[in-house]
Amino acid sequence: MDVDVTATVIVRPAGIELELADGEPLLRAAERLGYRWPTICGGLGTCRTCFVEVDEGRESCSDIGGLEREGIEALRRPLDGRTRLACQLTVTGGTVTVVKRGVRRRTEE
């Protein structure tokens, strides 16, 4: 599938570089590119397992919506833009660096 790339997200500590399309949530981009991302709800925003810590590029991240706000508050984290849900987070351009352990290349089963 050809995608018009508008942003890049670097996932540490694995050093994975993901190219996102305009409006594409981080979790969906990772899945499209063949990566497994820790999640229980499959990206519905209810389990909060997919949360990331944004290290760099917060200014390029989408605003925190109601569902994501509820999730971040449930995690007892401040609403400062550092903690985000990968299933809700889109990037408006440039490069963003996040920390998330457990992201890995999908293997054939």
N, C-alpha and C. Protein backbone atom coordinates (compact mmCIF):
# COMPACT_ATOMS: atom_id res chain seq x y z
N MET A 1 0.83 -1.16 0.00
CA MET A 1 0.00 0.00 0.00
C MET A 1 0.89 1.24 0.00
N ASP A 2 0.67 2.13 -0.95
CA ASP A 2 1.41 3.38 -0.99
C ASP A 2 0.74 4.39 -0.05
N VAL A 3 1.57 5.03 0.74
CA VAL A 3 1.08 5.99 1.73
C VAL A 3 1.84 7.29 1.55
N ASP A 4 1.12 8.41 1.59
CA ASP A 4 1.74 9.72 1.52
C ASP A 4 2.27 10.06 2.90
N VAL A 5 3.57 9.87 3.11
CA VAL A 5 4.20 10.06 4.41
C VAL A 5 4.28 11.54 4.75
N THR A 6 3.82 11.88 5.97
CA THR A 6 3.86 13.27 6.41
C THR A 6 4.66 13.47 7.69
N ALA A 7 5.02 12.36 8.37
CA ALA A 7 5.74 12.47 9.64
C ALA A 7 6.51 11.20 9.91
N THR A 8 7.49 11.31 10.81
CA THR A 8 8.29 10.16 11.23
C THR A 8 8.26 10.07 12.75
N VAL A 9 8.12 8.84 13.25
CA VAL A 9 8.20 8.60 14.68
C VAL A 9 9.31 7.60 14.92
N ILE A 10 10.23 7.95 15.80
CA ILE A 10 11.31 7.05 16.20
C ILE A 10 10.90 6.46 17.55
N VAL A 11 10.93 5.12 17.62
CA VAL A 11 10.53 4.41 18.83
C VAL A 11 11.79 3.88 19.51
N ARG A 12 12.05 4.37 20.70
CA ARG A 12 13.17 3.91 21.50
C ARG A 12 12.66 2.94 22.55
N PRO A 13 13.39 2.00 23.05
CA PRO A 13 14.82 1.82 22.84
C PRO A 13 15.17 1.00 21.60
N ALA A 14 14.16 0.49 20.90
CA ALA A 14 14.43 -0.39 19.76
C ALA A 14 15.05 0.32 18.56
N GLY A 15 14.89 1.66 18.48
CA GLY A 15 15.44 2.40 17.36
C GLY A 15 14.63 2.23 16.08
N ILE A 16 13.37 1.87 16.21
CA ILE A 16 12.48 1.68 15.06
C ILE A 16 12.05 3.05 14.53
N GLU A 17 12.05 3.19 13.21
CA GLU A 17 11.61 4.42 12.58
C GLU A 17 10.34 4.13 11.78
N LEU A 18 9.25 4.80 12.14
CA LEU A 18 7.96 4.59 11.50
C LEU A 18 7.56 5.83 10.71
N GLU A 19 7.07 5.61 9.50
CA GLU A 19 6.59 6.71 8.66
C GLU A 19 5.08 6.73 8.71
N LEU A 20 4.50 7.85 9.13
CA LEU A 20 3.07 8.00 9.30
C LEU A 20 2.46 8.84 8.19
N ALA A 21 1.26 8.45 7.80
CA ALA A 21 0.47 9.24 6.86
C ALA A 21 -0.29 10.31 7.65
N ASP A 22 -0.76 11.32 6.97
CA ASP A 22 -1.53 12.38 7.59
C ASP A 22 -2.76 11.79 8.29
N GLY A 23 -2.90 12.06 9.58
CA GLY A 23 -4.06 11.59 10.34
C GLY A 23 -4.00 10.14 10.78
N GLU A 24 -2.92 9.45 10.48
CA GLU A 24 -2.80 8.04 10.85
C GLU A 24 -2.27 7.91 12.28
N PRO A 25 -3.02 7.20 13.16
CA PRO A 25 -2.52 7.00 14.52
C PRO A 25 -1.23 6.18 14.53
N LEU A 26 -0.39 6.46 15.49
CA LEU A 26 0.90 5.78 15.62
C LEU A 26 0.74 4.26 15.66
N LEU A 27 -0.20 3.76 16.45
CA LEU A 27 -0.42 2.32 16.55
C LEU A 27 -0.76 1.70 15.20
N ARG A 28 -1.61 2.34 14.43
CA ARG A 28 -2.02 1.82 13.11
C ARG A 28 -0.84 1.84 12.13
N ALA A 29 -0.03 2.87 12.18
CA ALA A 29 1.14 2.93 11.30
C ALA A 29 2.10 1.79 11.61
N ALA A 30 2.32 1.53 12.89
CA ALA A 30 3.20 0.43 13.29
C ALA A 30 2.67 -0.90 12.76
N GLU A 31 1.38 -1.12 12.91
CA GLU A 31 0.78 -2.36 12.41
C GLU A 31 0.90 -2.45 10.89
N ARG A 32 0.63 -1.36 10.20
CA ARG A 32 0.73 -1.35 8.73
C ARG A 32 2.14 -1.69 8.27
N LEU A 33 3.13 -1.25 9.05
CA LEU A 33 4.53 -1.47 8.67
C LEU A 33 5.10 -2.78 9.20
N GLY A 34 4.25 -3.63 9.79
CA GLY A 34 4.68 -4.96 10.20
C GLY A 34 5.21 -5.08 11.61
N TYR A 35 4.81 -4.17 12.49
CA TYR A 35 5.27 -4.23 13.88
C TYR A 35 4.12 -4.61 14.80
N ARG A 36 4.46 -5.30 15.86
CA ARG A 36 3.51 -5.62 16.92
C ARG A 36 3.69 -4.56 18.00
N TRP A 37 2.58 -3.97 18.40
CA TRP A 37 2.59 -2.94 19.43
C TRP A 37 1.79 -3.45 20.62
N PRO A 38 2.30 -3.33 21.84
CA PRO A 38 1.55 -3.82 23.00
C PRO A 38 0.16 -3.16 23.08
N THR A 39 -0.88 -3.96 23.04
CA THR A 39 -2.26 -3.50 23.18
C THR A 39 -3.13 -4.69 23.57
N ILE A 40 -4.18 -4.41 24.28
CA ILE A 40 -5.16 -5.43 24.63
C ILE A 40 -6.45 -5.19 23.87
N CYS A 41 -6.85 -3.92 23.75
CA CYS A 41 -8.13 -3.57 23.12
C CYS A 41 -8.03 -3.45 21.60
N GLY A 42 -6.82 -3.56 21.05
CA GLY A 42 -6.66 -3.49 19.60
C GLY A 42 -6.73 -2.08 19.04
N GLY A 43 -6.52 -1.09 19.88
CA GLY A 43 -6.49 0.29 19.39
C GLY A 43 -7.77 1.07 19.59
N LEU A 44 -8.63 0.62 20.48
CA LEU A 44 -9.89 1.31 20.73
C LEU A 44 -9.76 2.42 21.78
N GLY A 45 -8.62 2.50 22.44
CA GLY A 45 -8.39 3.54 23.42
C GLY A 45 -8.90 3.21 24.81
N THR A 46 -9.24 1.95 25.05
CA THR A 46 -9.82 1.59 26.34
C THR A 46 -8.86 0.87 27.29
N CYS A 47 -7.85 0.20 26.79
CA CYS A 47 -6.97 -0.58 27.68
C CYS A 47 -5.79 0.22 28.20
N ARG A 48 -5.36 1.22 27.44
CA ARG A 48 -4.26 2.12 27.80
C ARG A 48 -2.89 1.45 27.77
N THR A 49 -2.84 0.21 27.33
CA THR A 49 -1.58 -0.54 27.27
C THR A 49 -0.62 0.05 26.25
N CYS A 50 -1.11 0.73 25.26
CA CYS A 50 -0.28 1.25 24.17
C CYS A 50 0.42 2.56 24.50
N PHE A 51 0.27 3.06 25.73
CA PHE A 51 0.79 4.40 26.03
C PHE A 51 2.29 4.51 25.78
N VAL A 52 2.69 5.71 25.38
CA VAL A 52 4.10 6.02 25.11
C VAL A 52 4.49 7.25 25.91
N GLU A 53 5.78 7.45 26.05
CA GLU A 53 6.32 8.68 26.62
C GLU A 53 6.96 9.44 25.45
N VAL A 54 6.51 10.65 25.21
CA VAL A 54 7.04 11.46 24.12
C VAL A 54 8.29 12.19 24.63
N ASP A 55 9.43 11.89 24.03
CA ASP A 55 10.70 12.51 24.43
C ASP A 55 10.97 13.80 23.67
N GLU A 56 10.72 13.77 22.37
CA GLU A 56 11.01 14.93 21.52
C GLU A 56 9.90 15.11 20.51
N GLY A 57 9.60 16.36 20.19
CA GLY A 57 8.64 16.66 19.13
C GLY A 57 7.20 16.81 19.58
N ARG A 58 6.98 17.09 20.85
CA ARG A 58 5.60 17.23 21.35
C ARG A 58 4.79 18.26 20.57
N GLU A 59 5.48 19.27 20.06
CA GLU A 59 4.78 20.32 19.31
C GLU A 59 4.18 19.80 18.00
N SER A 60 4.63 18.64 17.53
CA SER A 60 4.11 18.05 16.29
C SER A 60 3.02 17.02 16.55
N CYS A 61 2.69 16.79 17.81
CA CYS A 61 1.67 15.81 18.17
C CYS A 61 0.28 16.43 18.15
N SER A 62 -0.70 15.60 17.82
CA SER A 62 -2.09 16.03 17.82
C SER A 62 -2.52 16.44 19.22
N ASP A 63 -3.61 17.18 19.29
CA ASP A 63 -4.18 17.55 20.58
C ASP A 63 -4.71 16.30 21.28
N ILE A 64 -4.78 16.34 22.58
CA ILE A 64 -5.31 15.23 23.36
C ILE A 64 -6.84 15.33 23.36
N GLY A 65 -7.50 14.30 22.82
CA GLY A 65 -8.95 14.27 22.76
C GLY A 65 -9.55 13.71 24.04
N GLY A 66 -10.87 13.68 24.10
CA GLY A 66 -11.58 13.24 25.30
C GLY A 66 -11.26 11.83 25.74
N LEU A 67 -11.29 10.87 24.82
CA LEU A 67 -10.99 9.48 25.16
C LEU A 67 -9.56 9.33 25.65
N GLU A 68 -8.64 9.98 24.97
CA GLU A 68 -7.24 9.91 25.37
C GLU A 68 -7.03 10.61 26.71
N ARG A 69 -7.66 11.72 26.91
CA ARG A 69 -7.57 12.45 28.19
C ARG A 69 -8.01 11.53 29.34
N GLU A 70 -9.12 10.86 29.14
CA GLU A 70 -9.64 9.93 30.16
C GLU A 70 -8.62 8.83 30.45
N GLY A 71 -8.00 8.29 29.39
CA GLY A 71 -7.00 7.24 29.56
C GLY A 71 -5.77 7.70 30.29
N ILE A 72 -5.27 8.87 29.96
CA ILE A 72 -4.08 9.41 30.61
C ILE A 72 -4.37 9.69 32.09
N GLU A 73 -5.55 10.23 32.36
CA GLU A 73 -5.93 10.47 33.75
C GLU A 73 -6.04 9.16 34.52
N ALA A 74 -6.56 8.11 33.89
CA ALA A 74 -6.67 6.80 34.54
C ALA A 74 -5.29 6.22 34.83
N LEU A 75 -4.31 6.56 34.01
CA LEU A 75 -2.93 6.13 34.25
C LEU A 75 -2.26 6.96 35.34
N ARG A 76 -2.98 7.99 35.82
CA ARG A 76 -2.48 8.91 36.85
C ARG A 76 -1.23 9.64 36.39
N ARG A 77 -1.28 10.08 35.15
CA ARG A 77 -0.18 10.84 34.57
C ARG A 77 -0.67 12.27 34.31
N PRO A 78 0.23 13.23 34.34
CA PRO A 78 -0.18 14.61 34.05
C PRO A 78 -0.54 14.77 32.57
N LEU A 79 -1.41 15.70 32.30
CA LEU A 79 -1.84 16.00 30.93
C LEU A 79 -0.90 17.04 30.31
N ASP A 80 0.40 16.76 30.31
CA ASP A 80 1.39 17.70 29.82
C ASP A 80 1.89 17.37 28.41
N GLY A 81 1.30 16.34 27.79
CA GLY A 81 1.70 15.96 26.43
C GLY A 81 2.82 14.95 26.39
N ARG A 82 3.37 14.62 27.53
CA ARG A 82 4.45 13.63 27.55
C ARG A 82 3.91 12.21 27.45
N THR A 83 2.87 11.88 28.19
CA THR A 83 2.24 10.56 28.10
C THR A 83 1.12 10.64 27.08
N ARG A 84 1.16 9.73 26.11
CA ARG A 84 0.13 9.70 25.06
C ARG A 84 -0.27 8.26 24.78
N LEU A 85 -1.46 8.06 24.24
CA LEU A 85 -1.91 6.73 23.81
C LEU A 85 -1.58 6.60 22.32
N ALA A 86 -0.81 5.57 21.98
CA ALA A 86 -0.38 5.38 20.58
C ALA A 86 -1.57 5.17 19.64
N CYS A 87 -2.67 4.66 20.15
CA CYS A 87 -3.84 4.44 19.30
C CYS A 87 -4.58 5.72 18.99
N GLN A 88 -4.30 6.79 19.71
CA GLN A 88 -4.97 8.07 19.51
C GLN A 88 -4.04 9.14 18.95
N LEU A 89 -2.74 8.94 19.12
CA LEU A 89 -1.74 9.94 18.75
C LEU A 89 -1.50 9.98 17.24
N THR A 90 -1.69 11.16 16.65
CA THR A 90 -1.29 11.40 15.27
C THR A 90 -0.22 12.49 15.31
N VAL A 91 0.56 12.56 14.24
CA VAL A 91 1.66 13.53 14.17
C VAL A 91 1.45 14.41 12.95
N THR A 92 1.55 15.70 13.15
CA THR A 92 1.23 16.65 12.09
C THR A 92 2.38 16.95 11.14
N GLY A 93 3.56 16.44 11.44
CA GLY A 93 4.71 16.65 10.57
C GLY A 93 6.00 16.56 11.35
N GLY A 94 7.10 16.49 10.63
CA GLY A 94 8.39 16.43 11.30
C GLY A 94 8.68 15.08 11.91
N THR A 95 9.51 15.09 12.95
CA THR A 95 9.93 13.87 13.61
C THR A 95 9.62 13.95 15.10
N VAL A 96 9.05 12.87 15.62
CA VAL A 96 8.73 12.74 17.03
C VAL A 96 9.45 11.51 17.55
N THR A 97 10.01 11.60 18.75
CA THR A 97 10.68 10.46 19.38
C THR A 97 9.89 10.04 20.61
N VAL A 98 9.56 8.74 20.68
CA VAL A 98 8.81 8.21 21.82
C VAL A 98 9.56 7.04 22.44
N VAL A 99 9.21 6.73 23.67
CA VAL A 99 9.75 5.56 24.35
C VAL A 99 8.61 4.58 24.57
N LYS A 100 8.81 3.35 24.08
CA LYS A 100 7.84 2.27 24.30
C LYS A 100 8.56 0.95 24.19
N ARG A 101 8.59 0.22 25.27
CA ARG A 101 9.19 -1.12 25.25
C ARG A 101 8.17 -2.12 24.71
N GLY A 102 8.67 -3.16 24.07
CA GLY A 102 7.80 -4.23 23.58
C GLY A 102 7.39 -4.12 22.14
N VAL A 103 7.75 -3.05 21.46
CA VAL A 103 7.45 -2.92 20.03
C VAL A 103 8.48 -3.74 19.27
N ARG A 104 7.99 -4.64 18.42
CA ARG A 104 8.91 -5.50 17.68
C ARG A 104 8.31 -5.92 16.36
N ARG A 105 9.17 -6.37 15.48
CA ARG A 105 8.77 -6.82 14.16
C ARG A 105 7.85 -8.03 14.31
N ARG A 106 6.76 -8.03 13.58
CA ARG A 106 5.83 -9.18 13.59
C ARG A 106 6.53 -10.36 12.92
N THR A 107 6.38 -11.52 13.50
CA THR A 107 6.97 -12.73 12.91
C THR A 107 5.87 -13.59 12.33
N GLU A 108 6.24 -14.38 11.34
CA GLU A 108 5.28 -15.32 10.74
C GLU A 108 4.97 -16.40 11.74
N GLU A 109 3.69 -16.67 11.95
CA GLU A 109 3.31 -17.68 12.94
C GLU A 109 2.77 -18.92 12.27
